[in-house]
Amino acid sequence: MANPDQKTIFIDNAYEEIKNICINLQKDTNASNLEIKSLLKLIINEWEEKQEQKTSFGFR
């Protein structure tokens, strides 16, 4: 990818930051991989719910 667009750069940077946060959390708390994955899933679910509320689009 010679000239990645701004969105790709943003996603790559966000991924690296989240990965580093998770690694540091795991080091500080001795959390397992499963616990970190569960936390990330909870965060994603909360974010999706808030997005649905903002757009008023979603099936419940």
N, C-alpha and C. Protein backbone atom coordinates (compact mmCIF):
# COMPACT_ATOMS: atom_id res chain seq x y z
N MET A 1 0.85 -1.17 0.00
CA MET A 1 0.00 0.00 0.00
C MET A 1 0.90 1.24 0.00
N ALA A 2 1.06 1.83 -1.13
CA ALA A 2 1.97 2.96 -1.28
C ALA A 2 1.46 4.21 -0.59
N ASN A 3 0.20 4.58 -0.80
CA ASN A 3 -0.38 5.78 -0.21
C ASN A 3 -1.68 5.44 0.51
N PRO A 4 -1.57 4.97 1.75
CA PRO A 4 -2.81 4.64 2.46
C PRO A 4 -3.63 5.90 2.73
N ASP A 5 -4.93 5.76 2.64
CA ASP A 5 -5.78 6.92 2.88
C ASP A 5 -5.85 7.22 4.39
N GLN A 6 -6.40 8.36 4.72
CA GLN A 6 -6.43 8.82 6.11
C GLN A 6 -7.20 7.87 7.02
N LYS A 7 -8.29 7.28 6.50
CA LYS A 7 -9.09 6.35 7.30
C LYS A 7 -8.25 5.12 7.68
N THR A 8 -7.49 4.60 6.74
CA THR A 8 -6.65 3.44 7.01
C THR A 8 -5.60 3.77 8.06
N ILE A 9 -5.00 4.93 7.95
CA ILE A 9 -4.00 5.36 8.93
C ILE A 9 -4.63 5.49 10.31
N PHE A 10 -5.82 6.08 10.38
CA PHE A 10 -6.52 6.25 11.64
C PHE A 10 -6.82 4.89 12.27
N ILE A 11 -7.32 3.95 11.47
CA ILE A 11 -7.65 2.62 11.98
C ILE A 11 -6.40 1.90 12.47
N ASP A 12 -5.32 1.98 11.72
CA ASP A 12 -4.07 1.35 12.13
C ASP A 12 -3.55 1.94 13.43
N ASN A 13 -3.62 3.26 13.57
CA ASN A 13 -3.16 3.91 14.80
C ASN A 13 -4.04 3.52 15.99
N ALA A 14 -5.35 3.49 15.77
CA ALA A 14 -6.27 3.11 16.85
C ALA A 14 -6.01 1.68 17.28
N TYR A 15 -5.80 0.79 16.32
CA TYR A 15 -5.51 -0.61 16.64
C TYR A 15 -4.26 -0.72 17.52
N GLU A 16 -3.20 -0.02 17.14
CA GLU A 16 -1.96 -0.08 17.91
C GLU A 16 -2.15 0.47 19.32
N GLU A 17 -2.90 1.56 19.45
CA GLU A 17 -3.15 2.14 20.78
C GLU A 17 -3.97 1.19 21.64
N ILE A 18 -5.00 0.60 21.08
CA ILE A 18 -5.84 -0.34 21.84
C ILE A 18 -5.03 -1.57 22.23
N LYS A 19 -4.21 -2.06 21.32
CA LYS A 19 -3.36 -3.22 21.61
C LYS A 19 -2.42 -2.91 22.77
N ASN A 20 -1.80 -1.73 22.76
CA ASN A 20 -0.89 -1.35 23.83
C ASN A 20 -1.62 -1.19 25.16
N ILE A 21 -2.82 -0.64 25.13
CA ILE A 21 -3.62 -0.51 26.35
C ILE A 21 -3.91 -1.89 26.92
N CYS A 22 -4.29 -2.82 26.06
CA CYS A 22 -4.61 -4.17 26.51
C CYS A 22 -3.38 -4.88 27.07
N ILE A 23 -2.24 -4.72 26.42
CA ILE A 23 -1.00 -5.33 26.91
C ILE A 23 -0.65 -4.77 28.28
N ASN A 24 -0.73 -3.46 28.43
CA ASN A 24 -0.41 -2.84 29.72
C ASN A 24 -1.40 -3.26 30.80
N LEU A 25 -2.68 -3.34 30.46
CA LEU A 25 -3.68 -3.79 31.42
C LEU A 25 -3.39 -5.22 31.86
N GLN A 26 -3.02 -6.05 30.91
CA GLN A 26 -2.71 -7.44 31.23
C GLN A 26 -1.49 -7.53 32.14
N LYS A 27 -0.48 -6.72 31.88
CA LYS A 27 0.72 -6.72 32.73
C LYS A 27 0.39 -6.22 34.14
N ASP A 28 -0.43 -5.17 34.23
CA ASP A 28 -0.72 -4.55 35.52
C ASP A 28 -1.66 -5.38 36.38
N THR A 29 -2.55 -6.16 35.73
CA THR A 29 -3.58 -6.87 36.50
C THR A 29 -3.47 -8.37 36.44
N ASN A 30 -2.54 -8.88 35.65
CA ASN A 30 -2.41 -10.32 35.43
C ASN A 30 -3.68 -10.92 34.85
N ALA A 31 -4.40 -10.14 34.07
CA ALA A 31 -5.63 -10.63 33.44
C ALA A 31 -5.27 -11.62 32.33
N SER A 32 -6.14 -12.59 32.14
CA SER A 32 -5.92 -13.58 31.09
C SER A 32 -6.34 -13.01 29.73
N ASN A 33 -5.94 -13.70 28.68
CA ASN A 33 -6.37 -13.30 27.34
C ASN A 33 -7.89 -13.30 27.23
N LEU A 34 -8.52 -14.30 27.83
CA LEU A 34 -9.98 -14.40 27.79
C LEU A 34 -10.63 -13.21 28.49
N GLU A 35 -10.08 -12.79 29.62
CA GLU A 35 -10.63 -11.63 30.33
C GLU A 35 -10.50 -10.35 29.50
N ILE A 36 -9.39 -10.18 28.83
CA ILE A 36 -9.18 -9.01 27.98
C ILE A 36 -10.15 -9.03 26.81
N LYS A 37 -10.32 -10.21 26.18
CA LYS A 37 -11.25 -10.34 25.07
C LYS A 37 -12.68 -10.04 25.52
N SER A 38 -13.05 -10.52 26.70
CA SER A 38 -14.38 -10.27 27.23
C SER A 38 -14.60 -8.78 27.47
N LEU A 39 -13.60 -8.11 28.00
CA LEU A 39 -13.69 -6.66 28.23
C LEU A 39 -13.87 -5.92 26.91
N LEU A 40 -13.11 -6.30 25.90
CA LEU A 40 -13.23 -5.65 24.60
C LEU A 40 -14.61 -5.88 23.99
N LYS A 41 -15.16 -7.09 24.16
CA LYS A 41 -16.50 -7.37 23.65
C LYS A 41 -17.54 -6.52 24.36
N LEU A 42 -17.40 -6.34 25.67
CA LEU A 42 -18.32 -5.47 26.42
C LEU A 42 -18.25 -4.04 25.91
N ILE A 43 -17.05 -3.56 25.67
CA ILE A 43 -16.87 -2.19 25.16
C ILE A 43 -17.53 -2.05 23.79
N ILE A 44 -17.33 -3.03 22.93
CA ILE A 44 -17.93 -2.99 21.59
C ILE A 44 -19.45 -2.98 21.69
N ASN A 45 -20.01 -3.82 22.54
CA ASN A 45 -21.46 -3.86 22.69
C ASN A 45 -22.01 -2.53 23.19
N GLU A 46 -21.34 -1.91 24.15
CA GLU A 46 -21.78 -0.60 24.65
C GLU A 46 -21.71 0.44 23.55
N TRP A 47 -20.64 0.43 22.78
CA TRP A 47 -20.48 1.40 21.70
C TRP A 47 -21.58 1.22 20.66
N GLU A 48 -21.87 -0.03 20.30
CA GLU A 48 -22.91 -0.30 19.31
C GLU A 48 -24.27 0.17 19.80
N GLU A 49 -24.56 -0.06 21.08
CA GLU A 49 -25.84 0.39 21.64
C GLU A 49 -25.95 1.92 21.59
N LYS A 50 -24.88 2.60 21.91
CA LYS A 50 -24.90 4.06 21.87
C LYS A 50 -25.06 4.57 20.43
N GLN A 51 -24.43 3.88 19.48
CA GLN A 51 -24.57 4.26 18.08
C GLN A 51 -26.02 4.09 17.62
N GLU A 52 -26.64 2.99 18.04
CA GLU A 52 -28.04 2.75 17.68
C GLU A 52 -28.94 3.82 18.26
N GLN A 53 -28.66 4.24 19.50
CA GLN A 53 -29.47 5.27 20.14
C GLN A 53 -29.31 6.61 19.41
N LYS A 54 -28.11 6.91 18.97
CA LYS A 54 -27.85 8.17 18.27
C LYS A 54 -28.56 8.20 16.92
N THR A 55 -28.56 7.08 16.23
CA THR A 55 -29.14 7.05 14.90
C THR A 55 -30.61 6.64 14.92
N SER A 56 -31.08 6.17 16.06
CA SER A 56 -32.44 5.64 16.20
C SER A 56 -32.71 4.55 15.17
N PHE A 57 -31.68 3.82 14.83
CA PHE A 57 -31.82 2.75 13.87
C PHE A 57 -31.34 1.46 14.51
N GLY A 58 -32.16 0.49 14.51
CA GLY A 58 -31.78 -0.79 15.07
C GLY A 58 -33.04 -1.58 15.38
N PHE A 59 -32.89 -2.84 15.43
CA PHE A 59 -34.03 -3.71 15.68
C PHE A 59 -33.92 -4.28 17.08
N ARG A 60 -34.95 -4.11 17.86
CA ARG A 60 -34.97 -4.63 19.23
C ARG A 60 -36.25 -5.31 19.50
